[in-house]
Amino acid sequence: MPPRERGGPSRRRRGPGDRMRPRKYTRVNVDEIDYKDLTVLRRFISDRGKVRSRRVTGLSREHQRQLALAVKRAREIALLPYVGER
């Protein structure tokens, strides 16, 4: 059996009412993520000081961007460390 080509038919058949819907949930119940809110920021930073990925955090695309920007701002003014604790 030859390997499946890219862009070929998927194994799962979709009916007319079975559309792919984007996920609209988020794990942060705020409109915007603020760089001064350290309790929210620390939830999404690993023990090594890295920002966790969207797949791990479960945030929406918009909130993940806001999170990254807020962490960068908080690090710049020394509210958060650049590296984690050893």
Protein backbone atom coordinates (compact mmCIF):
# COMPACT_ATOMS: atom_id res chain seq x y z
CA MET A 1 0.00 0.00 0.00
CA PRO A 2 1.59 3.33 -1.03
CA PRO A 3 2.09 6.03 1.61
CA ARG A 4 -0.58 8.68 1.86
CA GLU A 5 0.24 11.88 0.04
CA ARG A 6 0.14 15.24 1.74
CA GLY A 7 -3.16 16.98 1.39
CA GLY A 8 -4.90 13.72 0.61
CA PRO A 9 -8.20 12.69 2.09
CA SER A 10 -8.23 12.27 5.84
CA ARG A 11 -9.29 9.03 7.43
CA ARG A 12 -12.26 10.62 9.16
CA ARG A 13 -15.19 11.60 7.00
CA ARG A 14 -17.03 14.75 7.87
CA GLY A 15 -20.70 15.28 7.27
CA PRO A 16 -22.34 18.57 6.31
CA GLY A 17 -23.15 19.50 9.92
CA ASP A 18 -19.76 18.47 11.31
CA ARG A 19 -17.69 21.62 10.89
CA MET A 20 -14.42 22.34 12.61
CA ARG A 21 -15.09 25.07 15.16
CA PRO A 22 -12.32 27.08 16.81
CA ARG A 23 -12.04 26.70 20.55
CA LYS A 24 -13.16 29.84 22.31
CA TYR A 25 -12.25 29.00 25.88
CA THR A 26 -9.50 30.39 28.04
CA ARG A 27 -8.19 29.56 31.48
CA VAL A 28 -7.84 33.19 32.56
CA ASN A 29 -11.05 34.98 33.45
CA VAL A 30 -9.80 38.46 32.55
CA ASP A 31 -10.13 40.59 29.44
CA GLU A 32 -6.45 41.54 29.34
CA ILE A 33 -3.40 40.12 31.07
CA ASP A 34 -1.54 42.80 33.02
CA TYR A 35 2.21 42.73 33.67
CA LYS A 36 1.65 43.84 37.29
CA ASP A 37 -0.53 40.84 38.15
CA LEU A 38 2.22 38.45 39.23
CA THR A 39 -0.07 35.75 40.57
CA VAL A 40 -1.51 35.22 37.08
CA LEU A 41 1.89 35.41 35.38
CA ARG A 42 3.56 32.91 37.71
CA ARG A 43 0.91 30.30 36.89
CA PHE A 44 2.13 30.21 33.29
CA ILE A 45 5.89 30.18 33.87
CA SER A 46 7.83 26.95 34.35
CA ASP A 47 10.21 26.33 37.24
CA ARG A 48 13.08 27.23 34.91
CA GLY A 49 11.53 30.60 34.10
CA LYS A 50 10.22 29.79 30.64
CA VAL A 51 6.78 30.80 29.41
CA ARG A 52 4.74 27.64 28.94
CA SER A 53 3.41 26.91 25.48
CA ARG A 54 -0.15 27.45 24.36
CA ARG A 55 -0.69 23.73 24.16
CA VAL A 56 0.20 23.38 27.85
CA THR A 57 -1.52 26.51 29.17
CA GLY A 58 -4.74 26.10 27.21
CA LEU A 59 -4.90 29.82 26.51
CA SER A 60 -6.40 31.33 23.41
CA ARG A 61 -4.06 32.78 20.80
CA GLU A 62 -4.84 36.34 21.88
CA HIS A 63 -4.27 35.64 25.58
CA GLN A 64 -1.03 33.77 24.89
CA ARG A 65 0.33 36.81 23.05
CA GLN A 66 -0.74 39.08 25.90
CA LEU A 67 0.88 36.70 28.38
CA ALA A 68 4.21 36.71 26.54
CA LEU A 69 4.23 40.50 26.33
CA ALA A 70 3.28 40.87 30.00
CA VAL A 71 6.06 38.48 31.09
CA LYS A 72 8.60 40.41 29.01
CA ARG A 73 7.48 43.69 30.55
CA ALA A 74 7.52 42.29 34.09
CA ARG A 75 11.03 40.93 33.57
CA GLU A 76 12.27 44.23 32.19
CA ILE A 77 11.27 46.13 35.34
CA ALA A 78 12.46 43.27 37.62
CA LEU A 79 9.08 42.04 38.84
CA LEU A 80 9.88 38.55 37.48
CA PRO A 81 13.26 36.86 37.14
CA TYR A 82 14.67 35.98 33.74
CA VAL A 83 15.69 32.51 34.97
CA GLY A 84 14.11 30.15 37.45
CA GLU A 85 15.43 29.14 40.82
CA ARG A 86 18.00 26.36 41.05
